[in-house]
Protein backbone atom coordinates (compact mmCIF):
# COMPACT_ATOMS: atom_id res chain seq x y z
CA ALA A 1 14.06 -12.45 23.19
CA THR A 2 12.73 -15.34 21.91
CA SER A 3 11.16 -16.56 19.09
CA GLY A 4 8.07 -18.79 18.60
CA PHE A 5 10.28 -21.59 17.01
CA GLU A 6 11.82 -21.86 20.51
CA ARG A 7 10.93 -23.81 23.48
CA PRO A 8 12.42 -23.67 26.99
CA ARG A 9 14.64 -26.75 27.65
CA ALA A 10 13.42 -29.09 30.33
CA ALA A 11 15.69 -29.43 33.47
CA SER A 12 15.71 -32.09 35.82
CA LYS A 13 13.73 -31.77 39.55
CA GLY A 14 11.50 -29.77 38.47
CA LEU A 15 13.60 -26.50 37.91
CA ARG A 16 13.30 -24.18 34.96
CA ASP A 17 15.89 -23.69 32.85
CA TYR A 18 16.49 -20.58 30.36
CA SER A 19 18.81 -21.75 27.58
CA TYR A 20 16.84 -23.04 24.61
CA ASN A 21 17.10 -26.15 22.26
CA PHE A 22 16.37 -27.12 18.83
CA HIS A 23 13.13 -26.42 17.96
CA ASN A 24 10.37 -29.50 17.26
CA PRO A 25 9.83 -29.00 13.51
CA GLU A 26 6.29 -30.37 14.19
CA TYR A 27 5.41 -26.70 16.37
CA ALA A 28 7.63 -24.71 14.00
CA HIS A 29 5.49 -26.06 10.63
CA TYR A 30 2.26 -24.81 12.83
CA ILE A 31 3.65 -21.35 13.54
CA SER A 32 4.91 -20.89 9.96
CA THR A 33 1.68 -21.68 8.88
CA ILE A 34 -0.30 -19.59 11.46
CA TYR A 35 1.98 -16.37 10.43
CA ARG A 36 1.54 -17.16 6.63
CA ILE A 37 -2.47 -17.13 6.99
CA TYR A 38 -2.22 -14.12 9.18
CA TYR A 39 0.51 -12.21 6.35
CA ASN A 40 -1.95 -12.98 3.58
CA PHE A 41 -5.43 -12.69 5.18
CA CYS A 42 -4.94 -10.24 7.94
CA GLU A 43 -1.76 -7.62 7.16
CA VAL A 44 -2.10 -5.08 5.32
CA GLN A 45 0.30 -3.61 2.51
CA ASN A 46 0.07 -1.22 0.30
CA TYR A 47 -0.99 -1.96 -3.25
CA ARG A 48 -0.61 1.01 -5.45
CA GLY A 49 -1.87 3.23 -3.03
CA VAL A 50 -4.56 1.06 -1.93
CA LYS A 51 -4.50 -0.63 1.40
CA MET A 52 -5.74 -4.16 1.06
CA THR A 53 -3.86 -7.72 2.33
CA PRO A 54 -2.67 -9.56 -0.16
CA ALA A 55 -5.22 -12.37 -0.71
CA GLN A 56 -7.27 -9.17 -1.57
CA ALA A 57 -4.46 -7.77 -4.04
CA ILE A 58 -5.05 -11.41 -6.45
CA GLY A 59 -8.53 -11.68 -5.67
CA LEU A 60 -8.99 -14.36 -3.45
CA VAL A 61 -10.85 -12.86 -0.95
CA ASP A 62 -12.79 -9.38 -0.99
CA LYS A 63 -12.11 -8.12 2.59
CA LYS A 64 -9.50 -7.63 5.48
CA TYR A 65 -10.02 -10.29 8.17
CA GLU A 66 -9.10 -10.27 11.63
CA LEU A 67 -6.91 -12.97 13.71
CA ARG A 68 -10.33 -14.51 15.54
CA ASP A 69 -12.01 -14.90 12.25
CA LEU A 70 -9.45 -17.47 11.64
CA ILE A 71 -8.56 -18.95 14.66
CA TYR A 72 -11.40 -21.36 16.54
CA TYR A 73 -11.33 -20.66 20.04
CA GLY A 74 -13.78 -23.41 21.31
CA ASN A 75 -16.22 -22.21 24.11
């Protein structure tokens, strides 16, 4: 199983190598930011018997967001 923090290593002559090398810190930062935003604004938790996101629990927002609300898909 692979995670988003790993990427395939490029092999010579266009062959694909399925071993993984160290992650690129820039991409790791992007992935961790997307995960943090998803967890805080989309992922529903149970707070004292009420289902809400962590951002709702601290009063930052008043609704649960969908992933498509947070990520822009240019048309």
